[in-house]
N, C-alpha and C. Protein backbone atom coordinates (compact mmCIF):
# COMPACT_ATOMS: atom_id res chain seq x y z
N MET A 1 60.49 86.91 9.18
CA MET A 1 60.99 85.66 9.75
C MET A 1 62.50 85.64 9.56
N ASP A 2 63.23 85.50 10.65
CA ASP A 2 64.69 85.52 10.62
C ASP A 2 65.22 84.09 10.66
N PHE A 3 65.64 83.60 9.48
CA PHE A 3 66.20 82.25 9.39
C PHE A 3 67.20 82.22 8.26
N SER A 4 68.00 81.16 8.24
CA SER A 4 69.00 80.97 7.19
C SER A 4 68.91 79.56 6.64
N PRO A 5 68.87 79.42 5.31
CA PRO A 5 68.98 78.07 4.74
C PRO A 5 70.44 77.62 4.83
N ILE A 6 70.67 76.48 5.45
CA ILE A 6 72.02 75.96 5.62
C ILE A 6 72.33 74.96 4.52
N THR A 7 71.42 74.04 4.29
CA THR A 7 71.47 73.10 3.17
C THR A 7 70.07 73.09 2.57
N PRO A 8 69.86 72.39 1.47
CA PRO A 8 68.50 72.36 0.91
C PRO A 8 67.44 71.78 1.86
N ASP A 9 67.86 71.01 2.87
CA ASP A 9 66.87 70.42 3.78
C ASP A 9 67.01 70.86 5.23
N LEU A 10 67.80 71.89 5.50
CA LEU A 10 68.00 72.36 6.88
C LEU A 10 68.00 73.88 6.94
N PHE A 11 67.15 74.40 7.83
CA PHE A 11 67.07 75.83 8.10
C PHE A 11 67.34 76.05 9.58
N ILE A 12 68.01 77.15 9.91
CA ILE A 12 68.25 77.53 11.30
C ILE A 12 67.82 78.98 11.46
N GLY A 13 67.13 79.27 12.57
CA GLY A 13 66.72 80.65 12.77
C GLY A 13 66.19 80.93 14.15
N LYS A 14 65.49 82.07 14.21
CA LYS A 14 64.83 82.49 15.44
C LYS A 14 63.51 81.74 15.56
N THR A 15 62.89 81.89 16.71
CA THR A 15 61.61 81.26 16.97
C THR A 15 60.56 81.74 15.98
N PRO A 16 59.95 80.81 15.24
CA PRO A 16 58.89 81.23 14.33
C PRO A 16 57.58 81.45 15.10
N SER A 17 56.77 82.35 14.61
CA SER A 17 55.44 82.50 15.19
C SER A 17 54.47 81.67 14.36
N SER A 18 53.28 81.44 14.88
CA SER A 18 52.31 80.62 14.16
C SER A 18 51.93 81.24 12.82
N VAL A 19 52.08 82.55 12.66
CA VAL A 19 51.79 83.18 11.36
C VAL A 19 52.84 82.79 10.31
N ASN A 20 53.98 82.27 10.73
CA ASN A 20 55.03 81.83 9.81
C ASN A 20 54.83 80.40 9.31
N TYR A 21 53.91 79.66 9.91
CA TYR A 21 53.79 78.24 9.59
C TYR A 21 53.45 77.99 8.12
N ASN A 22 52.57 78.78 7.52
CA ASN A 22 52.23 78.55 6.12
C ASN A 22 53.44 78.77 5.22
N TYR A 23 54.25 79.80 5.52
CA TYR A 23 55.46 80.03 4.74
C TYR A 23 56.43 78.87 4.90
N MET A 24 56.57 78.38 6.12
CA MET A 24 57.46 77.24 6.36
C MET A 24 56.97 76.01 5.60
N ARG A 25 55.66 75.83 5.58
CA ARG A 25 55.07 74.71 4.85
C ARG A 25 55.39 74.84 3.35
N GLU A 26 55.32 76.08 2.82
CA GLU A 26 55.66 76.32 1.41
C GLU A 26 57.12 75.96 1.12
N LEU A 27 57.99 76.15 2.09
CA LEU A 27 59.40 75.79 1.94
C LEU A 27 59.64 74.29 2.01
N GLY A 28 58.63 73.54 2.45
CA GLY A 28 58.76 72.10 2.58
C GLY A 28 59.13 71.63 3.97
N VAL A 29 59.06 72.55 4.95
CA VAL A 29 59.40 72.18 6.33
C VAL A 29 58.33 71.23 6.87
N LYS A 30 58.78 70.09 7.33
CA LYS A 30 57.89 69.08 7.93
C LYS A 30 58.15 68.92 9.43
N LEU A 31 59.31 69.40 9.90
CA LEU A 31 59.68 69.26 11.31
C LEU A 31 60.31 70.55 11.80
N VAL A 32 59.82 71.04 12.93
CA VAL A 32 60.43 72.18 13.62
C VAL A 32 60.96 71.67 14.95
N ILE A 33 62.25 71.87 15.19
CA ILE A 33 62.86 71.48 16.46
C ILE A 33 63.07 72.75 17.28
N ASN A 34 62.38 72.81 18.39
CA ASN A 34 62.43 73.96 19.30
C ASN A 34 63.36 73.62 20.46
N MET A 35 64.44 74.39 20.59
CA MET A 35 65.44 74.15 21.64
C MET A 35 65.24 75.07 22.85
N ARG A 36 64.15 75.82 22.88
CA ARG A 36 63.94 76.80 23.96
C ARG A 36 63.20 76.19 25.14
N VAL A 37 63.76 76.31 26.32
CA VAL A 37 63.08 75.85 27.52
C VAL A 37 61.94 76.81 27.88
N GLU A 38 62.11 78.07 27.52
CA GLU A 38 61.20 79.11 27.96
C GLU A 38 60.04 79.38 27.00
N TYR A 39 59.90 78.60 25.93
CA TYR A 39 58.89 78.89 24.93
C TYR A 39 58.41 77.60 24.28
N ARG A 40 57.24 77.17 24.66
CA ARG A 40 56.66 75.95 24.07
C ARG A 40 56.27 76.21 22.62
N PRO A 41 56.30 75.18 21.78
CA PRO A 41 55.84 75.35 20.40
C PRO A 41 54.36 75.72 20.37
N ARG A 42 54.00 76.59 19.45
CA ARG A 42 52.60 76.95 19.23
C ARG A 42 51.99 75.93 18.28
N LYS A 43 50.76 75.56 18.53
CA LYS A 43 50.09 74.54 17.72
C LYS A 43 49.90 75.02 16.27
N ASP A 44 49.95 74.06 15.39
CA ASP A 44 49.67 74.31 13.97
C ASP A 44 48.32 73.66 13.69
N PHE A 45 47.32 74.49 13.38
CA PHE A 45 45.96 73.99 13.19
C PHE A 45 45.64 73.66 11.73
N HIS A 46 46.64 73.66 10.88
CA HIS A 46 46.47 73.32 9.47
C HIS A 46 46.05 71.85 9.34
N PRO A 47 45.26 71.49 8.32
CA PRO A 47 44.88 70.08 8.14
C PRO A 47 46.08 69.13 8.00
N ASP A 48 47.21 69.66 7.48
CA ASP A 48 48.44 68.88 7.38
C ASP A 48 49.49 69.59 8.25
N PRO A 49 49.39 69.42 9.57
CA PRO A 49 50.25 70.21 10.46
C PRO A 49 51.72 69.84 10.39
N ILE A 50 52.55 70.84 10.65
CA ILE A 50 53.98 70.63 10.79
C ILE A 50 54.21 69.87 12.10
N GLN A 51 55.15 68.95 12.09
CA GLN A 51 55.51 68.21 13.30
C GLN A 51 56.45 69.08 14.13
N PHE A 52 56.26 69.07 15.44
CA PHE A 52 57.13 69.83 16.34
C PHE A 52 57.79 68.88 17.32
N LEU A 53 59.06 69.15 17.58
CA LEU A 53 59.81 68.41 18.60
C LEU A 53 60.37 69.45 19.55
N TRP A 54 59.91 69.40 20.78
CA TRP A 54 60.35 70.37 21.79
C TRP A 54 61.42 69.71 22.65
N LEU A 55 62.64 70.25 22.58
CA LEU A 55 63.77 69.77 23.37
C LEU A 55 64.24 70.92 24.25
N PRO A 56 63.54 71.14 25.36
CA PRO A 56 63.83 72.31 26.19
C PRO A 56 65.25 72.30 26.75
N THR A 57 66.02 73.31 26.36
CA THR A 57 67.40 73.46 26.83
C THR A 57 67.65 74.91 27.19
N PHE A 58 68.66 75.12 27.99
CA PHE A 58 69.05 76.47 28.41
C PHE A 58 70.23 76.94 27.57
N ASP A 59 70.29 78.24 27.35
CA ASP A 59 71.46 78.84 26.69
C ASP A 59 72.35 79.38 27.80
N SER A 60 73.11 78.46 28.41
CA SER A 60 73.92 78.83 29.56
C SER A 60 75.15 77.94 29.64
N PRO A 61 76.30 78.54 29.91
CA PRO A 61 77.50 77.72 30.10
C PRO A 61 77.41 76.86 31.36
N LEU A 62 76.50 77.20 32.26
CA LEU A 62 76.37 76.45 33.52
C LEU A 62 75.52 75.20 33.37
N ILE A 63 74.69 75.15 32.34
CA ILE A 63 73.82 73.99 32.12
C ILE A 63 74.03 73.53 30.67
N PRO A 64 74.92 72.56 30.44
CA PRO A 64 75.22 72.12 29.08
C PRO A 64 74.00 71.51 28.39
N ILE A 65 73.94 71.67 27.07
CA ILE A 65 72.88 71.05 26.28
C ILE A 65 73.03 69.53 26.42
N SER A 66 71.93 68.88 26.67
CA SER A 66 71.92 67.43 26.84
C SER A 66 72.31 66.72 25.54
N ILE A 67 73.28 65.84 25.62
CA ILE A 67 73.67 65.04 24.46
C ILE A 67 72.49 64.15 24.04
N ARG A 68 71.74 63.70 25.01
CA ARG A 68 70.56 62.87 24.72
C ARG A 68 69.55 63.66 23.88
N ALA A 69 69.34 64.93 24.22
CA ALA A 69 68.43 65.77 23.43
C ALA A 69 68.97 65.96 22.02
N LEU A 70 70.27 66.17 21.89
CA LEU A 70 70.87 66.34 20.57
C LEU A 70 70.71 65.07 19.73
N HIS A 71 70.86 63.92 20.36
CA HIS A 71 70.66 62.64 19.65
C HIS A 71 69.21 62.49 19.21
N ARG A 72 68.30 62.81 20.10
CA ARG A 72 66.88 62.68 19.78
C ARG A 72 66.51 63.59 18.61
N GLY A 73 66.99 64.83 18.65
CA GLY A 73 66.70 65.76 17.58
C GLY A 73 67.30 65.33 16.26
N ALA A 74 68.56 64.90 16.27
CA ALA A 74 69.23 64.47 15.04
C ALA A 74 68.54 63.25 14.44
N LYS A 75 68.16 62.31 15.28
CA LYS A 75 67.49 61.09 14.79
C LYS A 75 66.15 61.44 14.16
N THR A 76 65.37 62.29 14.82
CA THR A 76 64.07 62.69 14.28
C THR A 76 64.24 63.48 12.99
N ALA A 77 65.24 64.35 12.96
CA ALA A 77 65.51 65.14 11.75
C ALA A 77 65.89 64.23 10.58
N LEU A 78 66.76 63.26 10.82
CA LEU A 78 67.16 62.33 9.76
C LEU A 78 65.95 61.59 9.19
N GLU A 79 65.07 61.14 10.06
CA GLU A 79 63.86 60.44 9.60
C GLU A 79 63.02 61.36 8.72
N THR A 80 62.89 62.61 9.12
CA THR A 80 62.11 63.58 8.35
C THR A 80 62.75 63.85 6.99
N ILE A 81 64.06 64.06 6.98
CA ILE A 81 64.78 64.35 5.74
C ILE A 81 64.73 63.14 4.81
N GLN A 82 64.91 61.95 5.35
CA GLN A 82 64.88 60.74 4.53
C GLN A 82 63.50 60.50 3.92
N ALA A 83 62.46 61.04 4.57
CA ALA A 83 61.09 60.93 4.05
C ALA A 83 60.77 62.07 3.08
N GLY A 84 61.75 62.94 2.80
CA GLY A 84 61.56 64.01 1.84
C GLY A 84 61.19 65.36 2.43
N GLY A 85 61.16 65.46 3.75
CA GLY A 85 60.83 66.72 4.40
C GLY A 85 62.06 67.55 4.72
N LYS A 86 61.80 68.78 5.11
CA LYS A 86 62.87 69.68 5.52
C LYS A 86 62.70 69.98 7.00
N VAL A 87 63.80 70.44 7.62
CA VAL A 87 63.83 70.66 9.06
C VAL A 87 64.21 72.11 9.35
N TYR A 88 63.51 72.68 10.32
CA TYR A 88 63.80 74.03 10.82
C TYR A 88 64.14 73.88 12.30
N THR A 89 65.33 74.27 12.69
CA THR A 89 65.72 74.20 14.10
C THR A 89 65.94 75.61 14.62
N HIS A 90 65.49 75.85 15.85
CA HIS A 90 65.57 77.21 16.36
C HIS A 90 65.76 77.26 17.87
N CYS A 91 66.20 78.44 18.28
CA CYS A 91 66.24 78.85 19.68
C CYS A 91 65.73 80.29 19.67
N ALA A 92 66.05 81.05 20.66
CA ALA A 92 65.54 82.43 20.72
C ALA A 92 66.09 83.28 19.58
N GLY A 93 67.40 83.23 19.37
CA GLY A 93 68.01 84.10 18.37
C GLY A 93 68.67 83.39 17.21
N GLY A 94 68.64 82.06 17.20
CA GLY A 94 69.31 81.33 16.14
C GLY A 94 70.81 81.49 16.19
N VAL A 95 71.35 81.54 17.42
CA VAL A 95 72.78 81.78 17.61
C VAL A 95 73.48 80.60 18.27
N HIS A 96 72.88 79.99 19.29
CA HIS A 96 73.56 78.93 20.04
C HIS A 96 72.82 77.59 20.00
N ARG A 97 71.72 77.47 20.71
CA ARG A 97 71.06 76.17 20.86
C ARG A 97 70.56 75.59 19.54
N GLY A 98 69.86 76.39 18.76
CA GLY A 98 69.39 75.93 17.45
C GLY A 98 70.53 75.61 16.52
N VAL A 99 71.61 76.37 16.65
CA VAL A 99 72.82 76.15 15.86
C VAL A 99 73.47 74.83 16.26
N ALA A 100 73.55 74.55 17.56
CA ALA A 100 74.12 73.27 18.02
C ALA A 100 73.30 72.11 17.45
N MET A 101 71.97 72.24 17.50
CA MET A 101 71.13 71.18 16.95
C MET A 101 71.35 71.04 15.46
N GLY A 102 71.43 72.15 14.74
CA GLY A 102 71.69 72.10 13.31
C GLY A 102 73.01 71.44 12.98
N ALA A 103 74.05 71.75 13.73
CA ALA A 103 75.36 71.12 13.52
C ALA A 103 75.27 69.62 13.75
N CYS A 104 74.54 69.21 14.76
CA CYS A 104 74.40 67.78 15.04
C CYS A 104 73.63 67.07 13.93
N ILE A 105 72.65 67.74 13.35
CA ILE A 105 71.92 67.15 12.22
C ILE A 105 72.88 66.95 11.04
N LEU A 106 73.70 67.95 10.77
CA LEU A 106 74.68 67.82 9.68
C LEU A 106 75.66 66.69 9.95
N ILE A 107 76.13 66.58 11.18
CA ILE A 107 77.04 65.50 11.56
C ILE A 107 76.37 64.15 11.35
N ALA A 108 75.10 64.05 11.75
CA ALA A 108 74.35 62.81 11.56
C ALA A 108 74.19 62.47 10.08
N GLN A 109 74.25 63.49 9.22
CA GLN A 109 74.17 63.28 7.77
C GLN A 109 75.54 62.95 7.17
N GLY A 110 76.59 62.96 7.99
CA GLY A 110 77.91 62.58 7.52
C GLY A 110 78.93 63.70 7.44
N TYR A 111 78.56 64.90 7.82
CA TYR A 111 79.52 66.01 7.81
C TYR A 111 80.56 65.84 8.91
N ASP A 112 81.77 66.27 8.63
CA ASP A 112 82.80 66.41 9.65
C ASP A 112 82.32 67.49 10.62
N PRO A 113 82.52 67.33 11.93
CA PRO A 113 82.02 68.32 12.89
C PRO A 113 82.49 69.75 12.61
N HIS A 114 83.77 69.92 12.31
CA HIS A 114 84.28 71.28 12.07
C HIS A 114 83.73 71.85 10.76
N ALA A 115 83.56 71.01 9.76
CA ALA A 115 82.97 71.46 8.49
C ALA A 115 81.51 71.85 8.71
N ALA A 116 80.80 71.10 9.53
CA ALA A 116 79.40 71.43 9.84
C ALA A 116 79.30 72.79 10.52
N MET A 117 80.15 73.01 11.52
CA MET A 117 80.12 74.28 12.24
C MET A 117 80.49 75.44 11.32
N GLN A 118 81.48 75.24 10.47
CA GLN A 118 81.90 76.31 9.57
C GLN A 118 80.83 76.60 8.52
N LEU A 119 80.17 75.57 8.01
CA LEU A 119 79.09 75.76 7.05
C LEU A 119 77.98 76.62 7.66
N ILE A 120 77.61 76.31 8.90
CA ILE A 120 76.57 77.08 9.57
C ILE A 120 77.02 78.53 9.75
N LYS A 121 78.25 78.73 10.18
CA LYS A 121 78.78 80.09 10.37
C LYS A 121 78.79 80.85 9.04
N ASP A 122 79.16 80.17 7.96
CA ASP A 122 79.19 80.81 6.65
C ASP A 122 77.79 81.18 6.17
N LYS A 123 76.82 80.32 6.40
CA LYS A 123 75.46 80.54 5.91
C LYS A 123 74.62 81.43 6.84
N ARG A 124 74.99 81.45 8.12
CA ARG A 124 74.27 82.27 9.11
C ARG A 124 75.32 83.00 9.95
N PRO A 125 75.80 84.15 9.50
CA PRO A 125 76.90 84.84 10.17
C PRO A 125 76.65 85.14 11.66
N VAL A 126 75.40 85.31 12.06
CA VAL A 126 75.11 85.59 13.47
C VAL A 126 75.32 84.34 14.34
N ALA A 127 75.33 83.17 13.73
CA ALA A 127 75.48 81.91 14.47
C ALA A 127 76.86 81.85 15.13
N ASP A 128 76.90 81.20 16.29
CA ASP A 128 78.17 81.07 17.01
C ASP A 128 78.38 79.63 17.48
N PRO A 129 78.60 78.70 16.54
CA PRO A 129 78.83 77.32 16.95
C PRO A 129 80.16 77.13 17.66
N PHE A 130 81.03 78.14 17.58
CA PHE A 130 82.34 78.04 18.21
C PHE A 130 82.37 78.63 19.62
N ALA A 131 81.20 79.03 20.14
CA ALA A 131 81.14 79.54 21.52
C ALA A 131 81.73 78.49 22.46
N PHE A 132 82.42 78.95 23.50
CA PHE A 132 83.18 78.04 24.36
C PHE A 132 82.33 76.96 25.02
N TYR A 133 81.04 77.16 25.15
CA TYR A 133 80.18 76.16 25.79
C TYR A 133 79.29 75.42 24.79
N ILE A 134 79.29 75.84 23.54
CA ILE A 134 78.52 75.16 22.49
C ILE A 134 79.42 74.19 21.72
N HIS A 135 80.57 74.64 21.32
CA HIS A 135 81.54 73.85 20.55
C HIS A 135 81.80 72.48 21.18
N PRO A 136 82.09 72.39 22.49
CA PRO A 136 82.36 71.07 23.09
C PRO A 136 81.16 70.12 23.04
N ARG A 137 79.95 70.67 23.10
CA ARG A 137 78.76 69.81 23.04
C ARG A 137 78.61 69.21 21.65
N ILE A 138 78.88 70.01 20.63
CA ILE A 138 78.82 69.52 19.26
C ILE A 138 79.87 68.43 19.05
N LEU A 139 81.08 68.66 19.54
CA LEU A 139 82.14 67.66 19.39
C LEU A 139 81.83 66.39 20.17
N LYS A 140 81.25 66.54 21.35
CA LYS A 140 80.88 65.35 22.14
C LYS A 140 79.80 64.55 21.41
N PHE A 141 78.81 65.26 20.86
CA PHE A 141 77.79 64.58 20.07
C PHE A 141 78.46 63.78 18.95
N ALA A 142 79.36 64.44 18.22
CA ALA A 142 80.04 63.80 17.09
C ALA A 142 80.79 62.54 17.52
N SER A 143 81.40 62.59 18.69
CA SER A 143 82.18 61.43 19.16
C SER A 143 81.27 60.27 19.59
N GLN A 144 80.00 60.56 19.86
CA GLN A 144 79.09 59.52 20.33
C GLN A 144 78.06 59.09 19.28
N TRP A 145 77.93 59.83 18.18
CA TRP A 145 76.91 59.51 17.19
C TRP A 145 77.24 58.19 16.50
N THR A 146 76.32 57.25 16.55
CA THR A 146 76.55 55.95 15.94
C THR A 146 75.38 55.46 15.11
N ASP A 147 74.33 56.25 15.00
CA ASP A 147 73.12 55.77 14.34
C ASP A 147 73.29 55.47 12.89
């Protein structure tokens, strides 16, 4: 399983398979945010299933990530974290879309946008929150976050 712990309650990585769910549960993950348009979340048949939030987005400079989706993900993540759970956010490679969502979660927790992006880059070197089409979405989210 390819993922990086960013903070004690936030993980960012590649798409987990259903065989990874028990390990994620052991880590305390209560919410998985899937940012992939091309891959629906696989069901968790455990008696205490992990919650999934599917926010289908494209990894393309031509189709920006929806600020509304980023708000929805951050709000749901905050609720999960405040209830004592941990959050795993992902896209195909854990480089752009999942990283953008992770940065927005950190911003919603009070991080400065640039500090959030740098923390993710430091903890997950493959991450690229500074990509020319990802960075502006994170900053726009930060300018609109009021929850």
